[in-house]
C-alpha cells in the first residue's frame, strides 16, 4: 500500500502480527515467551550449562548441546517477534502507555534470556570445540558462532558478576537509553511556519533542514539548537551514565579499550579499521571540494551547518507513490526475488512513512519474524527520501536472505548489516542518474554526495567525538558544555574549510541516538558504504555471475567474519587500496557534479 487516495503517507500494519496489544493473541504470545524463558532456565540448570572445568565430549554432552542450542534458537525467535512488535508501537508513538508498560514488563525475561546466553558462552568455553564439531552436525552448522563464543568466553566476568550486570542493565544503561529515546520523541518546538507559529515535533523541525528557503532552515536550526540546550541536562546525564558503565564493564571484561570490544562485535580488526579511516581522511579534501561546489551552486560564500541538507534548485518532487514504483522497478533489474520483496513490503504495508508527534526520528528497518520486516521512515518528497527508503528496504532484503538461518546463525555485525542497504540505495541512485537530464542529475548527485559526506566526513567526526568521550569519561563526568565543545572540535577537524566553522552543530551528541546504545556504533556505517560501493562495482562488471554469490553472502553474514566474506569477491579489507577504490567512486561523482555546475 502506498499513500492513500488523499495523499496521506502510509502507516505500517502490525495487525498481521497480533491484532493489538490488548488482544488474546498477543497476551498468549507474551505469556508463552515469558514461560519459555523460564523453561529454558530449567533446561540450562538440568544440563549443567555454565562455566566449568573442561568437559569430555561424550554422547550425553552432544545430546545436551544439541537440545540446548535448538531451544535457544526457538526462544530467541519467539522473543524477537514479541519484543519487536512492542517496539514498533513505541517507535511510532512514545506516548502509548500500554506499549511502554508491556515493554517494561518484558524486560525481566529479556534480561534473563541475556543471562542464559552468557551462560551458554561460558559453557562453550569449557568444551573441546574440535571434538564437538567432529561429533555434532548441529555444532558444525554453528561453527562460526562457536569459535566466536570461545573468544568471548575469555572476556567474561565471573558468572555472578555477569548475571548482576545483566540484571542491572534495565535500570542502568538501558534505562538511560530509553530516557533518551522517549524524551527526544516527545520534544516539540514552537516555530513560525508560513506566517503561523506552530508546535512541531523535533522530527519535523529537523526535516526542515531540507527546506528550499534558507531563512526557514536557519530558523529551524536555531530553534532546534535552543530545544536541545533546554533538554541538555538529562541527555548529558544519560550519555555520561552509559559511557561510564561501558568503560567499567570493558575493564572488568579485560578488553584493552571499548573500541577493541566494538571491533570484535563488528567482526573486523584494527588493521581493517585503520586502513578504512586512513583512506577516508585522504578523501576529506575531495569531499570539501563537494561542499564548496554546493556553496557556489547556492550562491553562498560558504556552507553553514543548516545548508548541509539544503536542496539544490531544480529537480522534481518524488511523491511516495512514485518512489514506490521506481524502487520496485529498479529492484527488479537486479533480480525477480528482490523485486518481489519490494512489492510485498508496499502491498502488505510494512512501511511507516509519516512524520508525527511521538514517532522516533530517522529511519530504520527491523526483522519481526521469518522473512518479514518493518520499515520506519520520516518521508519527504525528495530523492533523498527515495534513496533512504531503498536503503531500508535493502535491510529487509537482507532479512529475507537470512530467513532460513537459525537465530544464532543470523546474528549479523553492524559492519555487514549495511551491505544490502547500501547496495540497494546505490542501485536506485545510479538508475535515477541514468534516466535524468542535467538538472535532475545535479540534484541526485548532490543528494548522493550529501549522504557520502555524512558517512565519510560526519561519521569520522562522530568516531573522534566518541573516542574523546570514552577517554575523558574514565576520569569524570562531562558537562553538557564540554560535550558540545568536544563535538565542535571533531566537526572542525573533519569538515575543515568545507563549512563555515562558526555555524556547526554542538548538540549532535544529543540528536543522534547511536551514542546511547552500543559503543562506536557509527564507523560500521562507513564500512557499509564503502564495502557496498565496492560490491556494486563488481556487480556491474558481471551482473549474472554476481547475483547468486551476492545472495549467498547476505545469507552468510552471521556465519563468517567480514574479511572471509570479502575474500569471496577478491577484496582485501586490510589494504587501504580497496577503500581508496571505493572512495574513487565518490570522487568520480564529485567531478561529475562540478562539471554540471560549471555548465550553468
Protein backbone atom coordinates (compact mmCIF):
# COMPACT_ATOMS: atom_id res chain seq x y z
CA UNK A 1 0.00 0.00 0.00
CA UNK A 2 1.37 3.43 -0.95
CA UNK A 3 -0.02 6.78 0.15
CA UNK A 4 -3.82 6.69 0.26
CA UNK A 5 -6.28 8.43 -2.04
CA UNK A 6 -5.93 11.63 -0.02
CA UNK A 7 -2.15 11.65 -0.33
CA UNK A 8 -1.52 10.71 3.28
CA UNK A 9 1.69 8.81 3.90
CA UNK A 10 1.28 5.19 4.95
CA UNK A 11 1.41 3.77 8.46
CA UNK A 12 2.58 0.22 8.84
CA UNK A 13 0.17 -2.59 9.57
CA UNK A 14 1.07 -4.51 12.72
CA UNK A 15 -2.29 -6.31 12.98
CA UNK A 16 -0.98 -9.15 10.80
CA UNK A 17 1.42 -9.97 13.62
CA UNK A 18 -1.05 -9.54 16.52
CA UNK A 19 -4.45 -7.78 16.40
CA UNK A 20 -3.42 -5.45 19.22
CA UNK A 21 -1.57 -5.18 22.50
CA UNK A 22 -4.79 -5.99 24.36
CA UNK A 23 -5.70 -8.93 22.11
CA UNK A 24 -5.84 -12.57 23.33
CA UNK A 25 -3.33 -13.49 20.62
CA UNK A 26 -0.73 -11.06 21.91
CA UNK A 27 -1.37 -11.97 25.54
CA UNK A 28 -0.89 -15.65 24.68
CA UNK A 29 2.38 -14.93 22.85
CA UNK A 30 3.59 -12.69 25.67
CA UNK A 31 2.87 -15.30 28.34
CA UNK A 32 4.35 -18.01 26.14
CA UNK A 33 7.71 -16.31 25.68
CA UNK A 34 7.95 -15.42 29.38
CA UNK A 35 7.21 -19.05 30.26
CA UNK A 36 9.63 -20.37 27.66
CA UNK A 37 12.47 -18.29 29.11
CA UNK A 38 11.75 -19.83 32.50
CA UNK A 39 11.63 -23.33 30.99
CA UNK A 40 14.91 -22.62 29.19
CA UNK A 41 16.42 -21.72 32.56
CA UNK A 42 15.34 -25.09 33.93
CA UNK A 43 16.87 -26.83 30.90
CA UNK A 44 20.17 -24.96 31.42
CA UNK A 45 20.25 -25.95 35.09
CA UNK A 46 19.44 -29.58 34.31
CA UNK A 47 22.05 -29.72 31.54
CA UNK A 48 24.79 -28.03 33.58
CA UNK A 49 25.12 -25.11 31.16
CA UNK A 50 27.63 -22.83 32.89
CA UNK A 51 31.35 -22.23 33.20
CA UNK A 52 33.10 -25.36 34.47
CA UNK A 53 36.17 -27.49 34.13
CA UNK A 54 36.94 -28.89 30.67
CA UNK A 55 34.26 -31.38 29.67
CA UNK A 56 34.67 -34.67 27.88
CA UNK A 57 32.70 -34.71 24.63
CA UNK A 58 30.67 -37.87 25.07
CA UNK A 59 27.25 -38.76 23.64
CA UNK A 60 25.46 -37.18 26.62
CA UNK A 61 27.29 -33.88 26.13
CA UNK A 62 26.49 -33.87 22.41
CA UNK A 63 22.80 -34.52 23.10
CA UNK A 64 22.70 -31.78 25.74
CA UNK A 65 24.42 -29.34 23.40
CA UNK A 66 22.06 -30.02 20.51
CA UNK A 67 18.96 -29.80 22.73
CA UNK A 68 20.12 -26.55 24.32
CA UNK A 69 21.05 -24.88 21.00
CA UNK A 70 17.73 -25.91 19.46
CA UNK A 71 15.76 -24.41 22.34
CA UNK A 72 17.88 -21.25 22.42
CA UNK A 73 17.21 -20.66 18.72
CA UNK A 74 13.49 -21.25 19.18
CA UNK A 75 13.11 -18.91 22.18
CA UNK A 76 15.22 -16.19 20.56
CA UNK A 77 12.94 -16.33 17.53
CA UNK A 78 9.85 -16.12 19.74
CA UNK A 79 11.30 -13.21 21.75
CA UNK A 80 12.18 -11.36 18.52
CA UNK A 81 8.56 -11.26 17.35
CA UNK A 82 7.04 -10.25 20.68
CA UNK A 83 9.65 -7.61 21.52
CA UNK A 84 9.82 -6.11 18.01
CA UNK A 85 6.04 -5.86 17.89
CA UNK A 86 6.04 -3.80 21.09
CA UNK A 87 8.98 -1.68 19.94
CA UNK A 88 7.22 -0.95 16.66
CA UNK A 89 4.32 0.58 18.59
CA UNK A 90 6.59 2.54 20.92
CA UNK A 91 8.68 3.69 17.94
CA UNK A 92 5.68 5.27 16.24
CA UNK A 93 4.06 6.62 19.41
CA UNK A 94 6.20 7.01 22.53
CA UNK A 95 3.05 8.22 24.35
CA UNK A 96 1.38 4.80 24.14
CA UNK A 97 1.21 3.91 27.85
CA UNK A 98 0.19 0.30 27.29
CA UNK A 99 3.08 -0.33 24.89
CA UNK A 100 5.53 1.24 27.32
CA UNK A 101 4.11 -0.91 30.11
CA UNK A 102 4.40 -4.09 28.04
CA UNK A 103 7.96 -3.24 27.06
CA UNK A 104 8.82 -2.77 30.72
CA UNK A 105 7.05 -5.99 31.68
CA UNK A 106 9.03 -7.93 29.08
CA UNK A 107 12.37 -6.61 30.35
CA UNK A 108 12.91 -9.18 33.12
CA UNK A 109 12.53 -12.03 30.63
CA UNK A 110 14.81 -10.26 28.13
CA UNK A 111 17.40 -9.85 30.87
CA UNK A 112 17.03 -13.50 31.91
CA UNK A 113 17.50 -14.58 28.29
CA UNK A 114 20.63 -12.44 28.08
CA UNK A 115 21.97 -14.11 31.22
CA UNK A 116 21.29 -17.52 29.70
CA UNK A 117 23.18 -16.57 26.53
CA UNK A 118 26.14 -15.54 28.68
CA UNK A 119 25.94 -18.88 30.49
CA UNK A 120 25.89 -20.61 27.10
CA UNK A 121 29.04 -18.72 26.08
CA UNK A 122 30.77 -19.72 29.34
CA UNK A 123 29.76 -23.35 28.80
CA UNK A 124 31.06 -23.37 25.24
CA UNK A 125 34.34 -22.03 26.60
CA UNK A 126 34.56 -25.21 28.69
CA UNK A 127 34.11 -27.55 25.72
CA UNK A 128 36.63 -29.06 23.33
CA UNK A 129 35.14 -27.41 20.25
CA UNK A 130 37.04 -29.51 17.71
CA UNK A 131 35.76 -32.74 19.25
CA UNK A 132 32.25 -31.31 19.41
CA UNK A 133 32.39 -30.27 15.76
CA UNK A 134 33.51 -33.75 14.79
CA UNK A 135 30.57 -35.40 16.56
CA UNK A 136 27.65 -32.97 16.11
CA UNK A 137 26.02 -31.74 12.88
CA UNK A 138 24.28 -29.01 14.92
CA UNK A 139 27.68 -27.81 16.12
CA UNK A 140 29.04 -27.82 12.57
CA UNK A 141 26.09 -25.71 11.43
CA UNK A 142 27.10 -23.18 14.10
CA UNK A 143 30.89 -23.36 13.68
CA UNK A 144 31.45 -19.62 13.45
CA UNK A 145 29.24 -18.86 16.45
CA UNK A 146 31.13 -21.46 18.49
CA UNK A 147 34.55 -20.04 17.64
CA UNK A 148 33.38 -16.53 18.49
CA UNK A 149 31.97 -17.83 21.76
CA UNK A 150 35.40 -19.17 22.67
CA UNK A 151 36.91 -15.70 22.32
CA UNK A 152 34.02 -14.05 24.12
CA UNK A 153 34.29 -16.53 26.98
CA UNK A 154 37.82 -15.29 27.63
CA UNK A 155 36.38 -11.81 28.26
CA UNK A 156 33.56 -12.73 30.60
CA UNK A 157 33.48 -11.73 34.23
CA UNK A 158 32.74 -14.45 36.81
CA UNK A 159 29.19 -15.81 36.34
CA UNK A 160 27.73 -13.98 39.33
CA UNK A 161 29.10 -10.66 38.12
CA UNK A 162 27.81 -11.23 34.59
CA UNK A 163 24.38 -12.06 35.97
CA UNK A 164 24.40 -8.97 38.18
CA UNK A 165 25.46 -6.78 35.24
CA UNK A 166 22.62 -8.17 33.14
CA UNK A 167 20.06 -7.69 35.91
CA UNK A 168 21.21 -4.10 36.49
CA UNK A 169 21.09 -3.27 32.76
CA UNK A 170 17.35 -2.39 32.64
CA UNK A 171 17.74 0.14 35.47
CA UNK A 172 21.17 1.27 34.25
CA UNK A 173 22.34 1.78 30.68
CA UNK A 174 19.09 0.60 29.11
CA UNK A 175 17.08 2.97 31.29
CA UNK A 176 19.25 5.88 30.21
CA UNK A 177 18.92 4.81 26.58
CA UNK A 178 15.15 4.62 26.99
CA UNK A 179 15.11 8.08 28.58
CA UNK A 180 16.91 9.49 25.55
CA UNK A 181 14.55 7.74 23.13
CA UNK A 182 11.35 8.75 24.93
CA UNK A 183 12.44 12.29 25.70
CA UNK A 184 13.64 13.10 22.20
CA UNK A 185 10.49 11.56 20.68
CA UNK A 186 8.34 13.93 22.72
CA UNK A 187 10.28 17.18 22.28
CA UNK A 188 8.21 19.78 20.48
CA UNK A 189 9.39 23.12 19.13
CA UNK A 190 7.42 26.32 18.57
CA UNK A 191 8.34 27.66 15.14
CA UNK A 192 6.83 30.15 12.76
CA UNK A 193 5.94 28.40 9.51
CA UNK A 194 4.21 30.28 6.69
CA UNK A 195 3.29 33.15 8.99
CA UNK A 196 1.87 30.94 11.75
CA UNK A 197 3.55 29.79 14.95
CA UNK A 198 3.14 26.03 15.13
CA UNK A 199 4.14 23.42 17.67
CA UNK A 200 6.17 20.85 15.73
CA UNK A 201 7.74 17.56 16.78
CA UNK A 202 11.53 17.51 16.69
CA UNK A 203 11.44 15.12 13.71
CA UNK A 204 9.50 17.70 11.68
CA UNK A 205 11.83 20.52 12.75
CA UNK A 206 14.89 18.53 11.74
CA UNK A 207 13.23 17.75 8.40
CA UNK A 208 13.14 21.50 7.73
CA UNK A 209 16.89 21.24 7.17
CA UNK A 210 15.81 20.09 3.69
CA UNK A 211 13.63 23.16 3.05
CA UNK A 212 14.50 25.24 -0.02
CA UNK A 213 14.09 28.53 1.91
CA UNK A 214 17.35 29.36 3.68
CA UNK A 215 15.59 31.51 6.26
CA UNK A 216 13.33 28.59 7.17
CA UNK A 217 16.39 26.33 7.51
CA UNK A 218 18.17 28.90 9.67
CA UNK A 219 15.22 29.43 11.99
CA UNK A 220 14.61 25.70 12.27
CA UNK A 221 18.31 25.12 13.07
CA UNK A 222 18.30 27.84 15.72
CA UNK A 223 15.06 26.55 17.25
CA UNK A 224 16.47 23.02 17.24
CA UNK A 225 19.67 24.12 18.98
CA UNK A 226 17.62 26.00 21.58
CA UNK A 227 15.47 22.92 22.20
CA UNK A 228 18.49 20.67 22.64
CA UNK A 229 20.03 23.20 25.00
CA UNK A 230 16.82 23.23 27.07
CA UNK A 231 16.94 19.41 27.41
CA UNK A 232 20.74 19.08 27.61
CA UNK A 233 20.97 18.27 31.31
CA UNK A 234 19.11 14.89 31.30
CA UNK A 235 20.63 13.94 27.93
CA UNK A 236 24.16 14.64 29.20
CA UNK A 237 23.38 12.60 32.31
CA UNK A 238 22.23 9.74 30.08
CA UNK A 239 25.35 9.85 27.91
CA UNK A 240 27.69 10.07 30.91
CA UNK A 241 25.99 7.13 32.61
CA UNK A 242 26.03 4.92 29.52
CA UNK A 243 29.67 5.62 28.68
CA UNK A 244 30.72 5.31 32.33
CA UNK A 245 29.07 1.92 32.63
CA UNK A 246 30.58 0.78 29.33
CA UNK A 247 34.08 1.82 30.40
CA UNK A 248 33.68 -0.08 33.65
CA UNK A 249 32.42 -3.26 32.02
CA UNK A 250 35.16 -3.05 29.38
CA UNK A 251 37.83 -3.07 32.09
CA UNK A 252 36.15 -5.84 34.08
CA UNK A 253 35.91 -8.00 30.95
CA UNK A 254 39.61 -7.44 30.25
CA UNK A 255 39.28 -5.66 26.93
CA UNK A 256 42.06 -3.14 26.39
CA UNK A 257 39.59 -0.42 25.40
CA UNK A 258 35.91 -0.06 24.42
CA UNK A 259 36.97 0.09 20.78
CA UNK A 260 38.52 -3.39 20.98
CA UNK A 261 35.24 -4.85 22.24
CA UNK A 262 33.39 -2.97 19.49
CA UNK A 263 35.73 -4.28 16.79
CA UNK A 264 35.18 -7.86 17.97
CA UNK A 265 31.41 -7.27 17.87
CA UNK A 266 31.83 -5.85 14.35
CA UNK A 267 33.81 -8.89 13.16
CA UNK A 268 36.74 -6.78 11.94
CA UNK A 269 40.19 -5.97 13.34
CA UNK A 270 42.13 -2.76 13.96
CA UNK A 271 44.12 -3.20 10.75
CA UNK A 272 40.85 -3.06 8.77
CA UNK A 273 39.56 -0.06 10.71
CA UNK A 274 42.85 1.81 10.37
CA UNK A 275 43.02 1.14 6.63
CA UNK A 276 39.47 2.43 6.18
CA UNK A 277 39.90 5.55 8.34
CA UNK A 278 43.19 6.38 6.67
CA UNK A 279 41.61 6.20 3.22
CA UNK A 280 38.68 8.29 4.47
CA UNK A 281 40.97 11.00 5.80
CA UNK A 282 42.77 11.09 2.45
CA UNK A 283 39.38 11.78 0.84
CA UNK A 284 38.47 14.76 3.07
CA UNK A 285 39.89 17.35 0.61
CA UNK A 286 37.75 15.89 -2.18
CA UNK A 287 34.61 15.95 -0.06
CA UNK A 288 35.37 19.53 0.97
CA UNK A 289 35.53 20.31 -2.77
CA UNK A 290 31.99 18.97 -2.99
CA UNK A 291 30.88 21.22 -0.11
CA UNK A 292 32.47 24.25 -1.76
CA UNK A 293 30.86 23.37 -5.09
CA UNK A 294 27.48 23.18 -3.39
CA UNK A 295 28.09 26.58 -1.82
CA UNK A 296 28.79 28.03 -5.27
CA UNK A 297 25.62 26.43 -6.60
CA UNK A 298 23.62 28.06 -3.79
CA UNK A 299 25.42 31.40 -4.35
CA UNK A 300 26.88 31.31 -0.84
CA UNK A 301 30.42 32.21 0.24
CA UNK A 302 30.45 29.02 2.35
CA UNK A 303 28.00 26.46 3.64
CA UNK A 304 26.83 26.65 7.22
CA UNK A 305 25.56 23.63 9.12
CA UNK A 306 21.96 24.42 8.17
CA UNK A 307 22.93 24.41 4.49
CA UNK A 308 24.31 20.86 4.52
CA UNK A 309 20.97 19.34 3.53
CA UNK A 310 19.64 22.25 1.51
CA UNK A 311 18.04 21.12 -1.74
CA UNK A 312 19.62 22.50 -4.89
CA UNK A 313 17.41 24.36 -7.35
CA UNK A 314 15.50 22.30 -9.86
CA UNK A 315 14.82 18.63 -9.83
CA UNK A 316 11.42 17.13 -9.46
CA UNK A 317 9.48 16.16 -6.39
CA UNK A 318 9.15 12.49 -5.54
CA UNK A 319 5.69 11.70 -4.15
CA UNK A 320 5.57 8.45 -2.21
CA UNK A 321 3.63 6.61 -4.92
CA UNK A 322 6.32 7.43 -7.50
CA UNK A 323 9.04 6.37 -5.09
CA UNK A 324 7.29 3.04 -4.69
CA UNK A 325 7.03 2.41 -8.42
CA UNK A 326 10.62 3.41 -9.09
CA UNK A 327 12.07 1.27 -6.29
CA UNK A 328 10.09 -1.78 -7.38
CA UNK A 329 11.24 -1.30 -10.98
CA UNK A 330 14.91 -0.92 -10.09
CA UNK A 331 14.95 -3.77 -7.61
CA UNK A 332 13.59 -5.86 -10.48
CA UNK A 333 16.64 -5.07 -12.61
CA UNK A 334 18.75 -6.92 -10.04
CA UNK A 335 16.57 -9.99 -9.63
CA UNK A 336 12.94 -11.15 -9.51
CA UNK A 337 13.49 -12.04 -5.86
CA UNK A 338 14.48 -8.51 -4.92
CA UNK A 339 11.54 -7.05 -6.87
CA UNK A 340 9.14 -9.43 -5.15
CA UNK A 341 10.45 -8.34 -1.76
CA UNK A 342 9.80 -4.67 -2.55
CA UNK A 343 6.32 -5.38 -3.93
CA UNK A 344 5.45 -7.33 -0.81
CA UNK A 345 6.71 -4.58 1.51
CA UNK A 346 4.45 -1.97 -0.12
CA UNK A 347 1.49 -4.30 -0.62
CA UNK A 348 1.48 -5.69 2.91
CA UNK A 349 2.11 -2.29 4.49
CA UNK A 350 5.47 -2.91 6.10
CA UNK A 351 6.34 0.79 5.87
CA UNK A 352 5.51 3.65 8.26
CA UNK A 353 6.40 6.86 6.44
CA UNK A 354 4.53 9.78 8.05
CA UNK A 355 6.38 12.11 10.48
CA UNK A 356 4.25 12.82 13.56
CA UNK A 357 4.42 13.67 17.26
CA UNK A 358 5.64 10.76 19.37
CA UNK A 359 7.31 8.99 16.45
CA UNK A 360 11.05 8.43 16.51
CA UNK A 361 13.16 10.35 14.03
CA UNK A 362 15.37 8.96 11.30
CA UNK A 363 14.80 5.68 9.51
CA UNK A 364 15.33 2.02 10.34
CA UNK A 365 14.29 -1.50 9.46
CA UNK A 366 13.67 -4.40 11.82
CA UNK A 367 13.20 -8.10 11.29
CA UNK A 368 10.00 -9.15 13.02
CA UNK A 369 9.56 -12.84 12.07
CA UNK A 370 10.78 -15.30 9.47
CA UNK A 371 11.24 -13.33 6.21
CA UNK A 372 9.07 -10.39 7.33
CA UNK A 373 10.35 -6.90 8.25
CA UNK A 374 9.04 -3.46 9.13
CA UNK A 375 10.49 -0.17 7.86
CA UNK A 376 10.21 3.20 9.60
CA UNK A 377 10.96 6.43 7.73
CA UNK A 378 10.00 10.10 8.05
CA UNK A 379 9.31 10.67 4.36
CA UNK A 380 9.62 13.95 2.47
CA UNK A 381 9.00 14.19 -1.32
CA UNK A 382 12.70 14.36 -2.25
CA UNK A 383 15.06 11.95 -3.93
CA UNK A 384 16.98 11.80 -0.65
CA UNK A 385 13.89 10.20 0.92
CA UNK A 386 13.63 7.79 -2.03
CA UNK A 387 17.21 6.63 -1.53
CA UNK A 388 16.61 6.31 2.23
CA UNK A 389 13.56 4.15 1.57
CA UNK A 390 15.56 1.98 -0.84
CA UNK A 391 18.29 1.73 1.81
CA UNK A 392 15.88 0.46 4.47
CA UNK A 393 14.24 -1.97 2.04
CA UNK A 394 17.76 -3.27 1.40
CA UNK A 395 17.82 -4.27 5.06
CA UNK A 396 14.51 -6.06 4.51
CA UNK A 397 16.06 -7.91 1.56
CA UNK A 398 18.97 -8.92 3.78
CA UNK A 399 16.46 -10.24 6.32
CA UNK A 400 14.81 -12.24 3.54
CA UNK A 401 18.15 -13.83 2.63
CA UNK A 402 18.72 -14.71 6.30
CA UNK A 403 15.26 -16.16 6.81
CA UNK A 404 16.33 -19.82 6.64
CA UNK A 405 19.12 -19.36 9.16
CA UNK A 406 18.74 -20.06 12.85
CA UNK A 407 18.83 -17.09 15.20
CA UNK A 408 22.40 -17.92 16.26
CA UNK A 409 23.44 -18.24 12.61
CA UNK A 410 21.87 -14.96 11.53
CA UNK A 411 23.43 -12.70 14.16
CA UNK A 412 24.99 -10.11 11.83
CA UNK A 413 27.55 -7.50 12.93
CA UNK A 414 26.84 -3.85 12.18
CA UNK A 415 29.63 -3.71 9.60
CA UNK A 416 27.94 -6.33 7.43
CA UNK A 417 24.40 -5.26 8.34
CA UNK A 418 24.78 -2.27 5.99
CA UNK A 419 25.86 -4.33 2.97
CA UNK A 420 22.46 -4.87 1.36
CA UNK A 421 21.10 -1.45 2.30
CA UNK A 422 23.99 0.43 0.67
CA UNK A 423 23.85 -1.82 -2.38
CA UNK A 424 20.12 -1.18 -2.87
CA UNK A 425 20.50 2.54 -2.28
CA UNK A 426 23.29 2.67 -4.89
CA UNK A 427 21.23 0.58 -7.34
CA UNK A 428 18.35 3.07 -7.17
CA UNK A 429 20.58 6.16 -7.25
CA UNK A 430 22.56 5.03 -10.29
CA UNK A 431 19.33 4.20 -12.14
CA UNK A 432 17.91 7.62 -11.35
CA UNK A 433 21.07 9.28 -12.69
CA UNK A 434 20.87 7.32 -15.95
CA UNK A 435 17.29 8.43 -16.56
CA UNK A 436 17.77 12.09 -15.56
CA UNK A 437 18.57 15.24 -17.52
CA UNK A 438 21.29 17.62 -16.40
CA UNK A 439 19.14 19.40 -13.83
CA UNK A 440 17.88 16.24 -12.19
CA UNK A 441 21.34 14.69 -12.36
CA UNK A 442 22.71 17.63 -10.45
CA UNK A 443 20.03 17.21 -7.78
CA UNK A 444 20.51 13.45 -7.50
CA UNK A 445 24.30 13.71 -7.44
CA UNK A 446 24.11 16.37 -4.77
CA UNK A 447 21.86 14.23 -2.59
CA UNK A 448 24.09 11.18 -3.11
CA UNK A 449 27.22 13.15 -2.30
CA UNK A 450 25.43 14.69 0.65
CA UNK A 451 24.92 11.18 2.01
CA UNK A 452 28.50 10.15 1.24
CA UNK A 453 29.78 13.25 3.00
CA UNK A 454 27.74 12.34 6.06
CA UNK A 455 29.03 8.78 6.09
CA UNK A 456 32.69 9.57 5.43
CA UNK A 457 33.19 13.00 7.00
CA UNK A 458 30.48 13.28 9.64
CA UNK A 459 30.85 9.71 10.86
CA UNK A 460 34.59 10.28 11.26
CA UNK A 461 33.68 13.29 13.40
CA UNK A 462 31.39 11.07 15.47
CA UNK A 463 34.16 8.50 15.85
CA UNK A 464 36.59 11.18 17.04
CA UNK A 465 33.96 12.57 19.42
CA UNK A 466 33.12 9.20 20.95
CA UNK A 467 36.80 8.31 21.31
CA UNK A 468 37.35 11.53 23.26
CA UNK A 469 34.26 10.99 25.42
CA UNK A 470 35.25 7.41 26.32
CA UNK A 471 38.78 8.53 27.20
CA UNK A 472 37.73 11.50 29.33
CA UNK A 473 34.86 9.66 30.98
CA UNK A 474 37.47 7.42 32.61
CA UNK A 475 38.36 10.43 34.77
CA UNK A 476 34.99 12.08 35.48
CA UNK A 477 31.58 13.06 34.13
CA UNK A 478 31.47 15.64 31.35
CA UNK A 479 29.15 18.62 31.39
CA UNK A 480 26.82 19.40 28.50
CA UNK A 481 29.08 22.34 27.59
CA UNK A 482 32.12 20.06 27.50
CA UNK A 483 30.29 17.55 25.31
CA UNK A 484 29.37 20.39 22.96
CA UNK A 485 32.97 21.55 22.75
CA UNK A 486 34.23 18.03 22.01
CA UNK A 487 31.64 17.75 19.26
CA UNK A 488 32.69 21.07 17.75
CA UNK A 489 36.37 20.03 17.88
CA UNK A 490 35.53 16.85 15.98
CA UNK A 491 33.48 18.72 13.37
CA UNK A 492 36.24 21.28 12.81
CA UNK A 493 38.81 18.50 12.38
CA UNK A 494 36.79 16.73 9.71
CA UNK A 495 34.76 19.34 7.83
CA UNK A 496 37.68 21.79 7.85
CA UNK A 497 37.23 24.69 5.45
CA UNK A 498 34.34 22.92 3.75
CA UNK A 499 31.96 24.63 6.19
CA UNK A 500 31.67 27.96 7.94
CA UNK A 501 33.09 26.76 11.26
CA UNK A 502 31.23 29.46 13.18
CA UNK A 503 27.93 27.67 12.48
CA UNK A 504 28.30 23.97 13.33
CA UNK A 505 26.10 21.65 15.43
CA UNK A 506 27.35 21.41 19.03
CA UNK A 507 24.40 19.25 20.11
CA UNK A 508 24.80 16.46 17.58
CA UNK A 509 25.64 14.23 20.55
CA UNK A 510 22.07 14.82 21.77
CA UNK A 511 20.41 14.46 18.36
CA UNK A 512 22.00 11.13 17.36
CA UNK A 513 20.59 8.10 19.23
CA UNK A 514 23.62 6.00 18.26
CA UNK A 515 25.71 7.20 21.19
CA UNK A 516 23.14 5.88 23.65
CA UNK A 517 23.31 2.24 22.64
CA UNK A 518 26.38 0.15 21.88
CA UNK A 519 29.74 1.93 21.80
CA UNK A 520 31.25 3.02 18.50
CA UNK A 521 28.02 2.36 16.64
CA UNK A 522 28.95 4.81 13.90
CA UNK A 523 32.01 3.57 11.99
CA UNK A 524 30.18 0.46 10.69
CA UNK A 525 28.13 2.83 8.51
CA UNK A 526 31.31 3.94 6.75
CA UNK A 527 32.34 0.32 6.36
CA UNK A 528 28.90 -0.46 4.95
CA UNK A 529 29.00 2.39 2.44
CA UNK A 530 32.46 1.65 1.10
CA UNK A 531 32.04 -2.14 1.16
CA UNK A 532 28.69 -1.76 -0.58
CA UNK A 533 30.20 0.50 -3.26
CA UNK A 534 32.99 -2.00 -3.81
CA UNK A 535 30.49 -4.81 -4.25
CA UNK A 536 28.36 -2.69 -6.60
CA UNK A 537 31.40 -2.12 -8.81
CA UNK A 538 31.88 -5.89 -9.06
CA UNK A 539 28.17 -6.33 -9.83
CA UNK A 540 28.49 -4.01 -12.81
CA UNK A 541 31.45 -5.99 -14.12
CA UNK A 542 29.45 -9.23 -14.36
CA UNK A 543 25.80 -8.93 -13.19
CA UNK A 544 24.76 -12.50 -13.97
CA UNK A 545 27.60 -14.15 -12.03
CA UNK A 546 27.26 -11.71 -9.16
CA UNK A 547 23.62 -12.26 -8.16
CA UNK A 548 23.77 -15.79 -6.75
CA UNK A 549 27.04 -15.15 -4.96
CA UNK A 550 25.65 -11.94 -3.51
CA UNK A 551 22.54 -13.56 -2.07
CA UNK A 552 24.72 -16.28 -0.56
CA UNK A 553 26.94 -13.62 1.01
CA UNK A 554 23.90 -11.96 2.60
CA UNK A 555 22.71 -15.32 3.88
CA UNK A 556 26.14 -15.89 5.46
CA UNK A 557 26.77 -12.62 7.32
CA UNK A 558 26.27 -14.31 10.69
CA UNK A 559 28.43 -17.31 9.77
CA UNK A 560 31.78 -15.78 8.74
CA UNK A 561 33.82 -12.71 9.57
CA UNK A 562 33.94 -9.71 7.26
CA UNK A 563 37.38 -10.49 5.81
CA UNK A 564 36.36 -14.04 4.85
CA UNK A 565 33.18 -12.89 3.13
CA UNK A 566 35.00 -10.07 1.32
CA UNK A 567 37.58 -12.58 0.11
CA UNK A 568 34.85 -14.35 -1.88
CA UNK A 569 34.88 -11.31 -4.18
CA UNK A 570 38.66 -10.83 -4.18
CA UNK A 571 38.58 -7.98 -1.64
CA UNK A 572 41.37 -7.41 0.92
CA UNK A 573 39.82 -5.33 3.71
CA UNK A 574 43.17 -4.67 5.39
CA UNK A 575 44.51 -2.90 2.32
CA UNK A 576 43.90 0.87 2.06
CA UNK A 577 43.81 0.33 -1.71
CA UNK A 578 40.39 -1.32 -1.54
CA UNK A 579 38.92 1.52 0.49
CA UNK A 580 40.51 4.09 -1.83
CA UNK A 581 38.99 2.33 -4.84
CA UNK A 582 35.53 2.60 -3.24
CA UNK A 583 36.15 6.25 -2.44
CA UNK A 584 37.18 6.74 -6.09
CA UNK A 585 33.53 6.09 -6.97
CA UNK A 586 32.60 9.06 -4.78
CA UNK A 587 35.45 11.16 -6.23
CA UNK A 588 34.12 10.50 -9.74
CA UNK A 589 30.69 11.72 -8.66
CA UNK A 590 32.28 14.89 -7.26
CA UNK A 591 33.97 15.57 -10.61
CA UNK A 592 30.69 14.95 -12.43
CA UNK A 593 28.87 17.27 -10.01
CA UNK A 594 31.44 20.04 -10.55
CA UNK A 595 31.16 19.65 -14.34
CA UNK A 596 27.37 20.04 -14.17
CA UNK A 597 27.73 23.19 -12.08
CA UNK A 598 30.29 24.66 -14.47
CA UNK A 599 27.84 24.29 -17.37
CA UNK A 600 25.48 26.83 -15.78
